[in-house]
Amino acid sequence: MKCIQPKANGIRLVSGLHMNQAKSSIMVAGLFIYGVEDLARANGIKLVFPPTKYLGMPLVASRLGASTLILPTTISEKLQQMCTEFIWDGADMTKKIHPINEEKLCTAKEFGGLGITKIADWNRAAICGLVYKLATKQDNLWVKWMWANKIKANNFWTMTIPKDCLWSWRNILDRRVNTQKMVKKRITDGTSTSFWPWHDPWLGGPLLAKRVDASIKEASGIHDQAIVSTLIIAGTWNCSHFAMPAAIKEEIHNTVLFTRADPDRWTWTISKHGNYTTPSAYKGIRRIETPLWWNKLVWSKWALPRHNFLMWQAGTSWCSLDTE
């Protein structure tokens, strides 16, 4: 610190910028804690130990999570291709004809696949997590920066994709449609949830604004910037004085109003605890098929893995002569 402090003072005199001690920290490793504590206390800087984060990412980490970085499509496809080739050919990575396509391999076991994670869809699920963080305005430095510099006064759910934006930001905005199907706002008083444009998804199904045409919307008496609390009186739904289709009125009346004092809050509808997880988003993205009758027989826990694989090949109507 004796060497760094004069340099920092020199930078301050030239540029006018000075170190904010409240936001600065000393990160150390391999030193005795007693001497380090005295050093931090003398300079008025807090002491941190690894692992620590900056902009929501770990500064020192041996592995990074899937949601840390958006993978380009070409990389996801190449990784998936390598995994598929390894299943059929082992270490021989030369191009060969695969008897079963990778989409079938990545299908869940109960639907006739091997349950292998499809990297491209897992990457999309991780991007949905970034969408969820932005939509819910989580207390995160990256989220705050994106709202201040990218989203600004726009509504996140309905803003148009800029033509000159980075591909990573475009990917996040493209995933809004998928994420809308997996999130919902729990209504308490409706004061923080918009109504017509469905800036905030609070009813199931398609966007509310897309269900009715402009004439019905105008005749309803609910203006564009209305909030859901317009339809709530004394803690209950009251749509009688608004001209809306009967199906929408019925859906609104069937929406549960939570009586807690908390404001309207977001929930991740496809997880048990209501919070986002990448595995739940992955399941929400994947196509649901009809379970096959033989899946429990094939994947018996009492059988050897090799026998499981051969039975699966037979169940999918493919088994090479040399393996038979």
C-alpha atoms as a PDB file:
ATOM      1  CA  MET A   1       0.000   0.000   0.000  1.00  0.00           C
ATOM      2  CA  LYS A   2       2.941   2.347   0.639  1.00  0.00           C
ATOM      3  CA  CYS A   3       3.927   1.939  -3.009  1.00  0.00           C
ATOM      4  CA  ILE A   4       0.386   2.163  -4.398  1.00  0.00           C
ATOM      5  CA  GLN A   5      -0.816   5.161  -2.396  1.00  0.00           C
ATOM      6  CA  PRO A   6       1.644   7.726  -3.913  1.00  0.00           C
ATOM      7  CA  LYS A   7       0.743   6.538  -7.419  1.00  0.00           C
ATOM      8  CA  ALA A   8      -2.955   6.893  -6.652  1.00  0.00           C
ATOM      9  CA  ASN A   9      -2.357  10.409  -5.328  1.00  0.00           C
ATOM     10  CA  GLY A  10      -0.490  11.290  -8.517  1.00  0.00           C
ATOM     11  CA  ILE A  11      -3.408  10.099 -10.649  1.00  0.00           C
ATOM     12  CA  ARG A  12      -5.792  12.113  -8.481  1.00  0.00           C
ATOM     13  CA  LEU A  13      -3.782  15.326  -8.973  1.00  0.00           C
ATOM     14  CA  VAL A  14      -3.629  14.900 -12.761  1.00  0.00           C
ATOM     15  CA  SER A  15      -7.145  13.635 -13.493  1.00  0.00           C
ATOM     16  CA  GLY A  16      -9.136  14.934 -10.553  1.00  0.00           C
ATOM     17  CA  LEU A  17     -10.336  11.396  -9.833  1.00  0.00           C
ATOM     18  CA  HIS A  18      -9.843   9.965  -6.388  1.00  0.00           C
ATOM     19  CA  MET A  19     -10.354   6.546  -4.858  1.00  0.00           C
ATOM     20  CA  ASN A  20     -13.715   5.982  -3.183  1.00  0.00           C
ATOM     21  CA  GLN A  21     -12.744   4.102  -0.053  1.00  0.00           C
ATOM     22  CA  ALA A  22     -16.348   3.090   0.664  1.00  0.00           C
ATOM     23  CA  LYS A  23     -16.516   1.227  -2.667  1.00  0.00           C
ATOM     24  CA  SER A  24     -12.946  -0.090  -2.640  1.00  0.00           C
ATOM     25  CA  SER A  25     -11.777  -3.347  -1.126  1.00  0.00           C
ATOM     26  CA  ILE A  26      -8.569  -5.273  -0.554  1.00  0.00           C
ATOM     27  CA  MET A  27      -8.568  -8.899  -1.690  1.00  0.00           C
ATOM     28  CA  VAL A  28      -5.691 -11.014  -0.428  1.00  0.00           C
ATOM     29  CA  ALA A  29      -4.635 -14.639  -0.424  1.00  0.00           C
ATOM     30  CA  GLY A  30      -1.789 -16.426   1.317  1.00  0.00           C
ATOM     31  CA  LEU A  31      -1.144 -13.727   3.959  1.00  0.00           C
ATOM     32  CA  PHE A  32      -1.617 -13.704   7.732  1.00  0.00           C
ATOM     33  CA  ILE A  33      -4.998 -12.165   8.524  1.00  0.00           C
ATOM     34  CA  TYR A  34      -3.742 -10.050  11.431  1.00  0.00           C
ATOM     35  CA  GLY A  35      -1.390  -7.940   9.348  1.00  0.00           C
ATOM     36  CA  VAL A  36      -3.933  -7.605   6.557  1.00  0.00           C
ATOM     37  CA  GLU A  37      -6.636  -6.383   8.928  1.00  0.00           C
ATOM     38  CA  ASP A  38      -4.319  -3.666  10.212  1.00  0.00           C
ATOM     39  CA  LEU A  39      -3.483  -2.674   6.633  1.00  0.00           C
ATOM     40  CA  ALA A  40      -7.145  -2.393   5.646  1.00  0.00           C
ATOM     41  CA  ARG A  41      -8.070  -0.523   8.821  1.00  0.00           C
ATOM     42  CA  ALA A  42      -5.241   1.997   8.361  1.00  0.00           C
ATOM     43  CA  ASN A  43      -6.420   2.844   4.839  1.00  0.00           C
ATOM     44  CA  GLY A  44     -10.151   2.802   5.586  1.00  0.00           C
ATOM     45  CA  ILE A  45     -10.813   0.046   3.055  1.00  0.00           C
ATOM     46  CA  LYS A  46     -12.826  -3.109   3.691  1.00  0.00           C
ATOM     47  CA  LEU A  47     -11.203  -6.524   3.520  1.00  0.00           C
ATOM     48  CA  VAL A  48     -12.598  -9.299   1.281  1.00  0.00           C
ATOM     49  CA  PHE A  49     -11.507 -12.857   0.642  1.00  0.00           C
ATOM     50  CA  PRO A  50     -11.891 -14.965  -2.489  1.00  0.00           C
ATOM     51  CA  PRO A  51     -14.216 -15.908  -3.989  1.00  0.00           C
ATOM     52  CA  THR A  52     -15.566 -12.413  -4.566  1.00  0.00           C
ATOM     53  CA  LYS A  53     -17.649 -10.976  -7.391  1.00  0.00           C
ATOM     54  CA  TYR A  54     -17.548  -7.916  -9.618  1.00  0.00           C
ATOM     55  CA  LEU A  55     -20.514  -7.038 -11.862  1.00  0.00           C
ATOM     56  CA  GLY A  56     -22.120 -10.254 -10.651  1.00  0.00           C
ATOM     57  CA  MET A  57     -19.265 -12.470 -11.902  1.00  0.00           C
ATOM     58  CA  PRO A  58     -16.639 -14.234  -9.752  1.00  0.00           C
ATOM     59  CA  LEU A  59     -13.181 -12.707 -10.089  1.00  0.00           C
ATOM     60  CA  VAL A  60     -11.439 -15.941  -9.130  1.00  0.00           C
ATOM     61  CA  ALA A  61     -13.208 -19.106 -10.261  1.00  0.00           C
ATOM     62  CA  SER A  62     -12.126 -22.425 -11.708  1.00  0.00           C
ATOM     63  CA  ARG A  63     -15.493 -22.866 -13.422  1.00  0.00           C
ATOM     64  CA  LEU A  64     -18.174 -20.459 -14.628  1.00  0.00           C
ATOM     65  CA  GLY A  65     -21.902 -21.169 -14.804  1.00  0.00           C
ATOM     66  CA  ALA A  66     -23.928 -21.477 -18.009  1.00  0.00           C
ATOM     67  CA  SER A  67     -25.649 -18.145 -17.401  1.00  0.00           C
ATOM     68  CA  THR A  68     -22.342 -16.271 -17.110  1.00  0.00           C
ATOM     69  CA  LEU A  69     -21.735 -16.120 -20.855  1.00  0.00           C
ATOM     70  CA  ILE A  70     -24.033 -16.387 -23.865  1.00  0.00           C
ATOM     71  CA  LEU A  71     -22.615 -18.993 -26.248  1.00  0.00           C
ATOM     72  CA  PRO A  72     -22.765 -18.267 -29.996  1.00  0.00           C
ATOM     73  CA  THR A  73     -24.976 -20.703 -31.912  1.00  0.00           C
ATOM     74  CA  THR A  74     -22.048 -22.103 -33.899  1.00  0.00           C
ATOM     75  CA  ILE A  75     -20.209 -23.053 -30.698  1.00  0.00           C
ATOM     76  CA  SER A  76     -23.312 -24.691 -29.192  1.00  0.00           C
ATOM     77  CA  GLU A  77     -23.862 -26.715 -32.372  1.00  0.00           C
ATOM     78  CA  LYS A  78     -20.208 -27.779 -32.525  1.00  0.00           C
ATOM     79  CA  LEU A  79     -20.229 -28.947 -28.906  1.00  0.00           C
ATOM     80  CA  GLN A  80     -23.459 -30.881 -29.481  1.00  0.00           C
ATOM     81  CA  GLN A  81     -21.980 -32.488 -32.593  1.00  0.00           C
ATOM     82  CA  MET A  82     -18.901 -33.617 -30.657  1.00  0.00           C
ATOM     83  CA  CYS A  83     -21.081 -35.176 -27.939  1.00  0.00           C
ATOM     84  CA  THR A  84     -23.179 -37.020 -30.531  1.00  0.00           C
ATOM     85  CA  GLU A  85     -20.132 -38.334 -32.385  1.00  0.00           C
ATOM     86  CA  PHE A  86     -18.616 -39.549 -29.121  1.00  0.00           C
ATOM     87  CA  ILE A  87     -21.720 -41.616 -28.306  1.00  0.00           C
ATOM     88  CA  TRP A  88     -21.562 -43.579 -31.556  1.00  0.00           C
ATOM     89  CA  ASP A  89     -17.859 -43.509 -32.451  1.00  0.00           C
ATOM     90  CA  GLY A  90     -15.974 -42.929 -29.196  1.00  0.00           C
ATOM     91  CA  ALA A  91     -12.708 -41.046 -29.618  1.00  0.00           C
ATOM     92  CA  ASP A  92     -12.964 -41.257 -33.418  1.00  0.00           C
ATOM     93  CA  MET A  93     -14.337 -37.797 -34.270  1.00  0.00           C
ATOM     94  CA  THR A  94     -14.489 -38.280 -38.044  1.00  0.00           C
ATOM     95  CA  LYS A  95     -17.807 -37.611 -39.745  1.00  0.00           C
ATOM     96  CA  LYS A  96     -20.048 -40.657 -39.963  1.00  0.00           C
ATOM     97  CA  ILE A  97     -23.714 -41.399 -40.459  1.00  0.00           C
ATOM     98  CA  HIS A  98     -25.457 -41.572 -37.079  1.00  0.00           C
ATOM     99  CA  PRO A  99     -28.329 -44.064 -36.820  1.00  0.00           C
ATOM    100  CA  ILE A 100     -30.384 -41.789 -34.525  1.00  0.00           C
ATOM    101  CA  ASN A 101     -30.423 -38.006 -34.787  1.00  0.00           C
ATOM    102  CA  GLU A 102     -29.256 -35.800 -31.949  1.00  0.00           C
ATOM    103  CA  GLU A 103     -32.742 -34.397 -31.304  1.00  0.00           C
ATOM    104  CA  LYS A 104     -33.917 -37.882 -30.350  1.00  0.00           C
ATOM    105  CA  LEU A 105     -30.822 -38.428 -28.202  1.00  0.00           C
ATOM    106  CA  CYS A 106     -31.565 -35.237 -26.265  1.00  0.00           C
ATOM    107  CA  THR A 107     -35.167 -36.247 -25.598  1.00  0.00           C
ATOM    108  CA  ALA A 108     -35.946 -37.299 -22.022  1.00  0.00           C
ATOM    109  CA  LYS A 109     -35.700 -41.023 -21.260  1.00  0.00           C
ATOM    110  CA  GLU A 110     -39.423 -41.392 -20.618  1.00  0.00           C
ATOM    111  CA  PHE A 111     -40.061 -40.061 -24.139  1.00  0.00           C
ATOM    112  CA  GLY A 112     -37.676 -42.465 -25.870  1.00  0.00           C
ATOM    113  CA  GLY A 113     -34.362 -40.589 -25.743  1.00  0.00           C
ATOM    114  CA  LEU A 114     -31.173 -40.797 -23.716  1.00  0.00           C
ATOM    115  CA  GLY A 115     -31.878 -37.697 -21.649  1.00  0.00           C
ATOM    116  CA  ILE A 116     -28.710 -35.937 -22.844  1.00  0.00           C
ATOM    117  CA  THR A 117     -28.815 -32.185 -22.332  1.00  0.00           C
ATOM    118  CA  LYS A 118     -29.031 -30.280 -25.601  1.00  0.00           C
ATOM    119  CA  ILE A 119     -26.427 -27.547 -25.275  1.00  0.00           C
ATOM    120  CA  ALA A 120     -28.224 -25.020 -27.491  1.00  0.00           C
ATOM    121  CA  ASP A 121     -31.457 -25.319 -25.493  1.00  0.00           C
ATOM    122  CA  TRP A 122     -29.562 -25.167 -22.191  1.00  0.00           C
ATOM    123  CA  ASN A 123     -27.933 -21.961 -23.414  1.00  0.00           C
ATOM    124  CA  ARG A 124     -31.378 -20.561 -24.297  1.00  0.00           C
ATOM    125  CA  ALA A 125     -32.624 -21.513 -20.839  1.00  0.00           C
ATOM    126  CA  ALA A 126     -29.709 -19.627 -19.276  1.00  0.00           C
ATOM    127  CA  ILE A 127     -30.568 -16.579 -21.408  1.00  0.00           C
ATOM    128  CA  CYS A 128     -34.147 -16.792 -20.098  1.00  0.00           C
ATOM    129  CA  GLY A 129     -32.604 -16.347 -16.661  1.00  0.00           C
ATOM    130  CA  LEU A 130     -31.044 -13.064 -17.806  1.00  0.00           C
ATOM    131  CA  VAL A 131     -34.441 -11.993 -19.174  1.00  0.00           C
ATOM    132  CA  TYR A 132     -36.047 -12.828 -15.830  1.00  0.00           C
ATOM    133  CA  LYS A 133     -33.441 -10.798 -13.929  1.00  0.00           C
ATOM    134  CA  LEU A 134     -34.043  -7.758 -16.136  1.00  0.00           C
ATOM    135  CA  ALA A 135     -37.841  -8.056 -16.047  1.00  0.00           C
ATOM    136  CA  THR A 136     -37.946  -8.357 -12.265  1.00  0.00           C
ATOM    137  CA  LYS A 137     -35.297  -5.629 -11.758  1.00  0.00           C
ATOM    138  CA  GLN A 138     -33.247  -7.720  -9.387  1.00  0.00           C
ATOM    139  CA  ASP A 139     -30.782  -5.983  -7.098  1.00  0.00           C
ATOM    140  CA  ASN A 140     -27.795  -6.569  -9.344  1.00  0.00           C
ATOM    141  CA  LEU A 141     -25.204  -4.133 -10.689  1.00  0.00           C
ATOM    142  CA  TRP A 142     -25.489  -5.548 -14.211  1.00  0.00           C
ATOM    143  CA  VAL A 143     -29.292  -5.229 -14.135  1.00  0.00           C
ATOM    144  CA  LYS A 144     -29.079  -1.628 -12.945  1.00  0.00           C
ATOM    145  CA  TRP A 145     -26.576  -0.791 -15.683  1.00  0.00           C
ATOM    146  CA  MET A 146     -28.755  -2.370 -18.404  1.00  0.00           C
ATOM    147  CA  TRP A 147     -31.805  -0.414 -17.264  1.00  0.00           C
ATOM    148  CA  ALA A 148     -29.855   2.840 -17.122  1.00  0.00           C
ATOM    149  CA  ASN A 149     -28.068   2.452 -20.466  1.00  0.00           C
ATOM    150  CA  LYS A 150     -30.079   0.058 -22.661  1.00  0.00           C
ATOM    151  CA  ILE A 151     -33.716  -0.131 -21.559  1.00  0.00           C
ATOM    152  CA  LYS A 152     -34.037   3.382 -20.110  1.00  0.00           C
ATOM    153  CA  ALA A 153     -37.677   4.595 -20.216  1.00  0.00           C
ATOM    154  CA  ASN A 154     -38.864   1.750 -22.481  1.00  0.00           C
ATOM    155  CA  ASN A 155     -40.913  -1.153 -21.254  1.00  0.00           C
ATOM    156  CA  PHE A 156     -38.740  -4.240 -21.257  1.00  0.00           C
ATOM    157  CA  TRP A 157     -41.416  -6.692 -22.443  1.00  0.00           C
ATOM    158  CA  THR A 158     -42.595  -4.627 -25.416  1.00  0.00           C
ATOM    159  CA  MET A 159     -39.568  -2.560 -26.493  1.00  0.00           C
ATOM    160  CA  THR A 160     -38.412  -3.078 -30.074  1.00  0.00           C
ATOM    161  CA  ILE A 161     -35.023  -4.620 -30.792  1.00  0.00           C
ATOM    162  CA  PRO A 162     -32.578  -1.894 -31.905  1.00  0.00           C
ATOM    163  CA  LYS A 163     -31.060  -2.442 -35.338  1.00  0.00           C
ATOM    164  CA  ASP A 164     -27.547  -1.564 -34.215  1.00  0.00           C
ATOM    165  CA  CYS A 165     -27.448  -3.521 -30.930  1.00  0.00           C
ATOM    166  CA  LEU A 166     -24.906  -6.176 -29.978  1.00  0.00           C
ATOM    167  CA  TRP A 167     -25.741  -9.793 -30.781  1.00  0.00           C
ATOM    168  CA  SER A 168     -25.736 -10.672 -27.068  1.00  0.00           C
ATOM    169  CA  TRP A 169     -28.350  -7.982 -26.293  1.00  0.00           C
ATOM    170  CA  ARG A 170     -30.366  -9.100 -29.331  1.00  0.00           C
ATOM    171  CA  ASN A 171     -30.337 -12.686 -28.055  1.00  0.00           C
ATOM    172  CA  ILE A 172     -31.636 -11.565 -24.674  1.00  0.00           C
ATOM    173  CA  LEU A 173     -34.472  -9.589 -26.269  1.00  0.00           C
ATOM    174  CA  ASP A 174     -35.310 -12.491 -28.598  1.00  0.00           C
ATOM    175  CA  ARG A 175     -35.817 -14.779 -25.601  1.00  0.00           C
ATOM    176  CA  ARG A 176     -38.561 -12.590 -24.108  1.00  0.00           C
ATOM    177  CA  VAL A 177     -41.290 -14.537 -25.908  1.00  0.00           C
ATOM    178  CA  ASN A 178     -40.111 -17.845 -24.411  1.00  0.00           C
ATOM    179  CA  THR A 179     -39.713 -16.336 -20.959  1.00  0.00           C
ATOM    180  CA  GLN A 180     -43.205 -14.780 -20.958  1.00  0.00           C
ATOM    181  CA  LYS A 181     -44.688 -18.279 -21.021  1.00  0.00           C
ATOM    182  CA  MET A 182     -42.874 -19.176 -17.807  1.00  0.00           C
ATOM    183  CA  VAL A 183     -43.431 -16.060 -15.671  1.00  0.00           C
ATOM    184  CA  LYS A 184     -46.473 -14.457 -14.118  1.00  0.00           C
ATOM    185  CA  LYS A 185     -47.194 -11.672 -11.697  1.00  0.00           C
ATOM    186  CA  ARG A 186     -49.046 -12.482  -8.509  1.00  0.00           C
ATOM    187  CA  ILE A 187     -51.608  -9.735  -8.009  1.00  0.00           C
ATOM    188  CA  THR A 188     -52.184  -8.264  -4.552  1.00  0.00           C
ATOM    189  CA  ASP A 189     -53.374  -4.686  -5.089  1.00  0.00           C
ATOM    190  CA  GLY A 190     -52.561  -4.334  -8.818  1.00  0.00           C
ATOM    191  CA  THR A 191     -50.911  -0.933  -8.417  1.00  0.00           C
ATOM    192  CA  SER A 192     -47.638  -1.993 -10.065  1.00  0.00           C
ATOM    193  CA  THR A 193     -49.005  -4.103 -12.930  1.00  0.00           C
ATOM    194  CA  SER A 194     -50.104  -2.662 -16.277  1.00  0.00           C
ATOM    195  CA  PHE A 195     -53.307  -3.896 -17.930  1.00  0.00           C
ATOM    196  CA  TRP A 196     -53.820  -3.625 -21.691  1.00  0.00           C
ATOM    197  CA  PRO A 197     -50.410  -3.782 -23.347  1.00  0.00           C
ATOM    198  CA  TRP A 198     -49.491  -6.695 -21.094  1.00  0.00           C
ATOM    199  CA  HIS A 199     -46.272  -5.009 -20.212  1.00  0.00           C
ATOM    200  CA  ASP A 200     -46.446  -7.304 -17.198  1.00  0.00           C
ATOM    201  CA  PRO A 201     -47.721 -10.859 -17.791  1.00  0.00           C
ATOM    202  CA  TRP A 202     -50.456 -11.391 -15.206  1.00  0.00           C
ATOM    203  CA  LEU A 203     -52.968 -13.485 -17.195  1.00  0.00           C
ATOM    204  CA  GLY A 204     -52.217 -16.798 -18.841  1.00  0.00           C
ATOM    205  CA  GLY A 205     -52.269 -17.334 -22.591  1.00  0.00           C
ATOM    206  CA  PRO A 206     -51.337 -14.891 -25.368  1.00  0.00           C
ATOM    207  CA  LEU A 207     -50.817 -11.176 -24.866  1.00  0.00           C
ATOM    208  CA  LEU A 208     -54.017  -9.517 -23.709  1.00  0.00           C
ATOM    209  CA  ALA A 209     -53.652  -6.756 -26.298  1.00  0.00           C
ATOM    210  CA  LYS A 210     -53.535  -9.389 -29.075  1.00  0.00           C
ATOM    211  CA  ARG A 211     -56.762 -11.092 -28.032  1.00  0.00           C
ATOM    212  CA  VAL A 212     -59.025  -8.169 -28.898  1.00  0.00           C
ATOM    213  CA  ASP A 213     -59.081  -5.693 -31.762  1.00  0.00           C
ATOM    214  CA  ALA A 214     -58.776  -1.914 -31.431  1.00  0.00           C
ATOM    215  CA  SER A 215     -62.554  -1.281 -31.412  1.00  0.00           C
ATOM    216  CA  ILE A 216     -63.193  -3.603 -28.448  1.00  0.00           C
ATOM    217  CA  LYS A 217     -60.221  -2.159 -26.642  1.00  0.00           C
ATOM    218  CA  GLU A 218     -61.520   1.391 -27.129  1.00  0.00           C
ATOM    219  CA  ALA A 219     -65.080   0.450 -26.131  1.00  0.00           C
ATOM    220  CA  SER A 220     -63.871  -1.151 -22.900  1.00  0.00           C
ATOM    221  CA  GLY A 221     -63.165   2.240 -21.342  1.00  0.00           C
ATOM    222  CA  ILE A 222     -59.712   1.151 -20.151  1.00  0.00           C
ATOM    223  CA  HIS A 223     -56.943   3.398 -21.448  1.00  0.00           C
ATOM    224  CA  ASP A 224     -53.518   2.218 -22.627  1.00  0.00           C
ATOM    225  CA  GLN A 225     -51.652   3.121 -19.450  1.00  0.00           C
ATOM    226  CA  ALA A 226     -54.228   1.634 -17.064  1.00  0.00           C
ATOM    227  CA  ILE A 227     -53.074  -0.597 -14.227  1.00  0.00           C
ATOM    228  CA  VAL A 228     -54.743  -3.715 -12.881  1.00  0.00           C
ATOM    229  CA  SER A 229     -55.895  -1.954  -9.706  1.00  0.00           C
ATOM    230  CA  THR A 230     -58.511  -0.243 -11.921  1.00  0.00           C
ATOM    231  CA  LEU A 231     -60.473  -3.509 -11.763  1.00  0.00           C
ATOM    232  CA  ILE A 232     -60.033  -4.096  -8.018  1.00  0.00           C
ATOM    233  CA  ILE A 233     -62.459  -2.679  -5.457  1.00  0.00           C
ATOM    234  CA  ALA A 234     -62.219  -3.553  -1.764  1.00  0.00           C
ATOM    235  CA  GLY A 235     -59.888  -6.455  -2.470  1.00  0.00           C
ATOM    236  CA  THR A 236     -62.120  -8.163  -5.068  1.00  0.00           C
ATOM    237  CA  TRP A 237     -62.413  -8.093  -8.851  1.00  0.00           C
ATOM    238  CA  ASN A 238     -65.022  -5.714 -10.281  1.00  0.00           C
ATOM    239  CA  CYS A 239     -65.280  -5.786 -14.093  1.00  0.00           C
ATOM    240  CA  SER A 240     -69.023  -5.172 -14.377  1.00  0.00           C
ATOM    241  CA  HIS A 241     -68.750  -1.544 -15.533  1.00  0.00           C
ATOM    242  CA  PHE A 242     -66.148  -2.319 -18.232  1.00  0.00           C
ATOM    243  CA  ALA A 243     -67.154  -3.577 -21.684  1.00  0.00           C
ATOM    244  CA  MET A 244     -64.917  -6.598 -22.211  1.00  0.00           C
ATOM    245  CA  PRO A 245     -65.453 -10.021 -23.800  1.00  0.00           C
ATOM    246  CA  ALA A 246     -67.040 -12.502 -21.405  1.00  0.00           C
ATOM    247  CA  ALA A 247     -64.127 -14.941 -21.733  1.00  0.00           C
ATOM    248  CA  ILE A 248     -61.609 -12.315 -20.574  1.00  0.00           C
ATOM    249  CA  LYS A 249     -63.878 -11.252 -17.686  1.00  0.00           C
ATOM    250  CA  GLU A 250     -64.171 -14.859 -16.578  1.00  0.00           C
ATOM    251  CA  GLU A 251     -60.406 -15.331 -16.747  1.00  0.00           C
ATOM    252  CA  ILE A 252     -59.856 -12.187 -14.669  1.00  0.00           C
ATOM    253  CA  HIS A 253     -62.365 -13.341 -12.030  1.00  0.00           C
ATOM    254  CA  ASN A 254     -60.611 -16.715 -11.876  1.00  0.00           C
ATOM    255  CA  THR A 255     -57.250 -15.038 -11.213  1.00  0.00           C
ATOM    256  CA  VAL A 256     -56.353 -15.351  -7.540  1.00  0.00           C
ATOM    257  CA  LEU A 257     -55.935 -12.104  -5.595  1.00  0.00           C
ATOM    258  CA  PHE A 258     -53.410 -12.438  -2.798  1.00  0.00           C
ATOM    259  CA  THR A 259     -54.380 -10.495   0.302  1.00  0.00           C
ATOM    260  CA  ARG A 260     -50.883 -10.042   1.686  1.00  0.00           C
ATOM    261  CA  ALA A 261     -49.576  -6.528   2.196  1.00  0.00           C
ATOM    262  CA  ASP A 262     -46.675  -7.171  -0.193  1.00  0.00           C
ATOM    263  CA  PRO A 263     -46.797  -5.497  -3.637  1.00  0.00           C
ATOM    264  CA  ASP A 264     -47.408  -7.442  -6.843  1.00  0.00           C
ATOM    265  CA  ARG A 265     -44.480  -9.787  -7.311  1.00  0.00           C
ATOM    266  CA  TRP A 266     -43.051 -12.012 -10.007  1.00  0.00           C
ATOM    267  CA  THR A 267     -43.175 -15.810  -9.882  1.00  0.00           C
ATOM    268  CA  TRP A 268     -41.481 -18.429 -12.035  1.00  0.00           C
ATOM    269  CA  THR A 269     -44.513 -20.589 -12.754  1.00  0.00           C
ATOM    270  CA  ILE A 270     -42.789 -23.850 -13.722  1.00  0.00           C
ATOM    271  CA  SER A 271     -40.792 -24.343 -10.513  1.00  0.00           C
ATOM    272  CA  LYS A 272     -42.157 -25.480  -7.159  1.00  0.00           C
ATOM    273  CA  HIS A 273     -40.752 -22.571  -5.141  1.00  0.00           C
ATOM    274  CA  GLY A 274     -41.553 -19.867  -7.728  1.00  0.00           C
ATOM    275  CA  ASN A 275     -37.926 -18.874  -8.377  1.00  0.00           C
ATOM    276  CA  TYR A 276     -35.968 -19.179 -11.610  1.00  0.00           C
ATOM    277  CA  THR A 277     -33.719 -22.179 -12.133  1.00  0.00           C
ATOM    278  CA  THR A 278     -31.930 -23.135 -15.339  1.00  0.00           C
ATOM    279  CA  PRO A 279     -33.151 -26.789 -15.247  1.00  0.00           C
ATOM    280  CA  SER A 280     -36.787 -25.671 -14.959  1.00  0.00           C
ATOM    281  CA  ALA A 281     -36.334 -23.227 -17.854  1.00  0.00           C
ATOM    282  CA  TYR A 282     -34.749 -26.017 -19.900  1.00  0.00           C
ATOM    283  CA  LYS A 283     -37.767 -28.258 -19.310  1.00  0.00           C
ATOM    284  CA  GLY A 284     -40.058 -25.373 -20.251  1.00  0.00           C
ATOM    285  CA  ILE A 285     -38.262 -24.914 -23.567  1.00  0.00           C
ATOM    286  CA  ARG A 286     -38.145 -28.594 -24.544  1.00  0.00           C
ATOM    287  CA  ARG A 287     -41.079 -30.182 -26.337  1.00  0.00           C
ATOM    288  CA  ILE A 288     -43.289 -32.438 -24.221  1.00  0.00           C
ATOM    289  CA  GLU A 289     -44.094 -35.788 -25.839  1.00  0.00           C
ATOM    290  CA  THR A 290     -46.140 -38.835 -24.906  1.00  0.00           C
ATOM    291  CA  PRO A 291     -44.322 -41.158 -22.466  1.00  0.00           C
ATOM    292  CA  LEU A 292     -43.475 -44.567 -23.945  1.00  0.00           C
ATOM    293  CA  TRP A 293     -44.660 -47.746 -22.272  1.00  0.00           C
ATOM    294  CA  TRP A 294     -41.261 -49.448 -22.378  1.00  0.00           C
ATOM    295  CA  ASN A 295     -39.114 -46.702 -20.811  1.00  0.00           C
ATOM    296  CA  LYS A 296     -39.259 -48.128 -17.256  1.00  0.00           C
ATOM    297  CA  LEU A 297     -38.353 -51.582 -18.561  1.00  0.00           C
ATOM    298  CA  VAL A 298     -35.373 -50.267 -20.516  1.00  0.00           C
ATOM    299  CA  TRP A 299     -34.003 -48.023 -17.782  1.00  0.00           C
ATOM    300  CA  SER A 300     -34.284 -50.471 -14.912  1.00  0.00           C
ATOM    301  CA  LYS A 301     -31.838 -49.619 -12.135  1.00  0.00           C
ATOM    302  CA  TRP A 302     -31.002 -53.312 -11.749  1.00  0.00           C
ATOM    303  CA  ALA A 303     -29.555 -53.611 -15.271  1.00  0.00           C
ATOM    304  CA  LEU A 304     -26.020 -52.790 -16.365  1.00  0.00           C
ATOM    305  CA  PRO A 305     -25.583 -49.520 -18.330  1.00  0.00           C
ATOM    306  CA  ARG A 306     -24.503 -51.470 -21.428  1.00  0.00           C
ATOM    307  CA  HIS A 307     -27.667 -53.568 -21.244  1.00  0.00           C
ATOM    308  CA  ASN A 308     -29.752 -50.403 -20.782  1.00  0.00           C
ATOM    309  CA  PHE A 309     -28.217 -48.932 -23.923  1.00  0.00           C
ATOM    310  CA  LEU A 310     -28.794 -52.088 -25.997  1.00  0.00           C
ATOM    311  CA  MET A 311     -32.405 -52.307 -24.819  1.00  0.00           C
ATOM    312  CA  TRP A 312     -32.887 -48.660 -25.708  1.00  0.00           C
ATOM    313  CA  GLN A 313     -31.525 -49.325 -29.213  1.00  0.00           C
ATOM    314  CA  ALA A 314     -33.996 -52.175 -29.598  1.00  0.00           C
ATOM    315  CA  GLY A 315     -36.826 -50.003 -28.320  1.00  0.00           C
ATOM    316  CA  THR A 316     -36.062 -47.322 -30.884  1.00  0.00           C
ATOM    317  CA  SER A 317     -36.150 -49.981 -33.656  1.00  0.00           C
ATOM    318  CA  TRP A 318     -32.445 -49.694 -34.361  1.00  0.00           C
ATOM    319  CA  CYS A 319     -29.732 -52.118 -33.393  1.00  0.00           C
ATOM    320  CA  SER A 320     -26.717 -52.909 -35.572  1.00  0.00           C
ATOM    321  CA  LEU A 321     -25.935 -56.516 -36.456  1.00  0.00           C
ATOM    322  CA  ASP A 322     -22.572 -56.578 -34.692  1.00  0.00           C
ATOM    323  CA  THR A 323     -24.099 -55.454 -31.372  1.00  0.00           C
ATOM    324  CA  GLU A 324     -26.873 -58.048 -31.597  1.00  0.00           C
END
